[in-house]
Amino acid sequence: MLSFPNPSRSFDATRNCVCFWGYDKSIEVSFYLDLCALQKLSHGDSELEADCLEAFDIASNQIHKVADKIHKKRGGSVYTHTLTEDDF
């Protein structure tokens, strides 16, 4: 199971996503949460950085569960994942 001991997340306007990290034992796993997925979770349509980060924080437990599921589904050998609307 992935762990998410570091609550850091950032908004990447170039990729239109929120970036966050988890750990598979001692290996860092990068995640990119697509803006459309975040909007689906928050039932909003804001593209403002502050709104996106707040929406991420509110839904972080659900996001982390999906991130763990996706990482396991891909065999745990891929260490960068993009989470899309279809994942939720």
Protein backbone atom coordinates (compact mmCIF):
# COMPACT_ATOMS: atom_id res chain seq x y z
CA MET A 1 0.00 0.00 0.00
CA LEU A 2 1.23 3.47 -0.83
CA SER A 3 1.78 5.96 1.94
CA PHE A 4 1.29 9.71 1.68
CA PRO A 5 3.30 11.09 4.61
CA ASN A 6 4.03 14.38 2.87
CA PRO A 7 0.95 16.57 2.36
CA SER A 8 2.73 18.64 -0.29
CA ARG A 9 0.92 19.23 -3.54
CA SER A 10 1.33 21.83 -6.24
CA PHE A 11 -0.64 23.19 -9.15
CA ASP A 12 0.98 22.87 -12.56
CA ALA A 13 -0.69 25.38 -14.90
CA THR A 14 1.27 24.08 -17.89
CA ARG A 15 -0.12 20.55 -17.49
CA ASN A 16 -3.47 21.66 -15.98
CA CYS A 17 -3.08 19.34 -13.03
CA VAL A 18 -2.28 19.04 -9.36
CA CYS A 19 0.95 17.19 -8.63
CA PHE A 20 1.42 15.11 -5.50
CA TRP A 21 3.63 12.28 -4.29
CA GLY A 22 3.28 8.99 -2.49
CA TYR A 23 5.74 6.36 -1.39
CA ASP A 24 5.95 2.68 -2.26
CA LYS A 25 8.24 1.60 0.57
CA SER A 26 11.16 3.98 0.01
CA ILE A 27 10.47 4.77 -3.65
CA GLU A 28 8.77 8.04 -4.48
CA VAL A 29 5.76 7.77 -6.81
CA SER A 30 4.64 10.90 -8.69
CA PHE A 31 1.01 11.58 -9.51
CA TYR A 32 -0.62 14.14 -11.77
CA LEU A 33 -4.30 14.71 -11.05
CA ASP A 34 -5.91 16.00 -14.25
CA LEU A 35 -7.96 19.19 -13.86
CA CYS A 36 -11.09 17.51 -15.28
CA ALA A 37 -10.85 14.79 -12.62
CA LEU A 38 -10.49 17.40 -9.91
CA GLN A 39 -13.47 19.33 -11.22
CA LYS A 40 -15.52 16.12 -11.22
CA LEU A 41 -14.59 15.49 -7.59
CA SER A 42 -15.32 19.03 -6.47
CA HIS A 43 -18.40 19.57 -8.64
CA GLY A 44 -16.84 22.86 -9.72
CA ASP A 45 -15.21 24.32 -12.77
CA SER A 46 -12.63 26.73 -11.38
CA GLU A 47 -9.18 26.69 -12.90
CA LEU A 48 -7.72 29.03 -10.28
CA GLU A 49 -4.73 27.59 -8.44
CA ALA A 50 -6.10 28.31 -4.96
CA ASP A 51 -9.46 26.72 -5.78
CA CYS A 52 -7.82 23.63 -7.27
CA LEU A 53 -5.56 23.13 -4.26
CA GLU A 54 -8.47 23.58 -1.87
CA ALA A 55 -10.55 21.06 -3.84
CA PHE A 56 -7.61 18.64 -3.73
CA ASP A 57 -7.29 19.03 0.04
CA ILE A 58 -11.00 18.36 0.57
CA ALA A 59 -10.94 15.20 -1.56
CA SER A 60 -7.42 14.04 -0.64
CA ASN A 61 -8.53 10.81 1.08
CA GLN A 62 -10.49 9.70 -1.99
CA ILE A 63 -7.69 10.82 -4.31
CA HIS A 64 -5.09 8.85 -2.33
CA LYS A 65 -7.27 5.71 -2.39
CA VAL A 66 -7.60 5.94 -6.17
CA ALA A 67 -3.88 6.66 -6.53
CA ASP A 68 -3.06 3.52 -4.53
CA LYS A 69 -5.50 1.46 -6.63
CA ILE A 70 -4.02 2.73 -9.91
CA HIS A 71 -0.46 2.09 -8.75
CA LYS A 72 -1.34 -1.50 -7.76
CA LYS A 73 -3.29 -2.05 -10.99
CA ARG A 74 -0.23 -1.09 -13.04
CA GLY A 75 1.86 -3.62 -11.19
CA GLY A 76 3.70 -1.24 -8.91
CA SER A 77 6.56 -0.98 -11.39
CA VAL A 78 5.56 2.39 -12.83
CA TYR A 79 6.43 5.37 -10.68
CA THR A 80 4.62 8.18 -12.47
CA HIS A 81 0.85 8.15 -12.96
CA THR A 82 -1.71 10.54 -14.37
CA LEU A 83 -5.14 10.28 -12.76
CA THR A 84 -7.97 11.20 -15.09
CA GLU A 85 -11.70 11.72 -14.80
CA ASP A 86 -12.28 8.06 -15.77
CA ASP A 87 -10.37 6.91 -12.67
CA PHE A 88 -13.03 8.39 -10.37
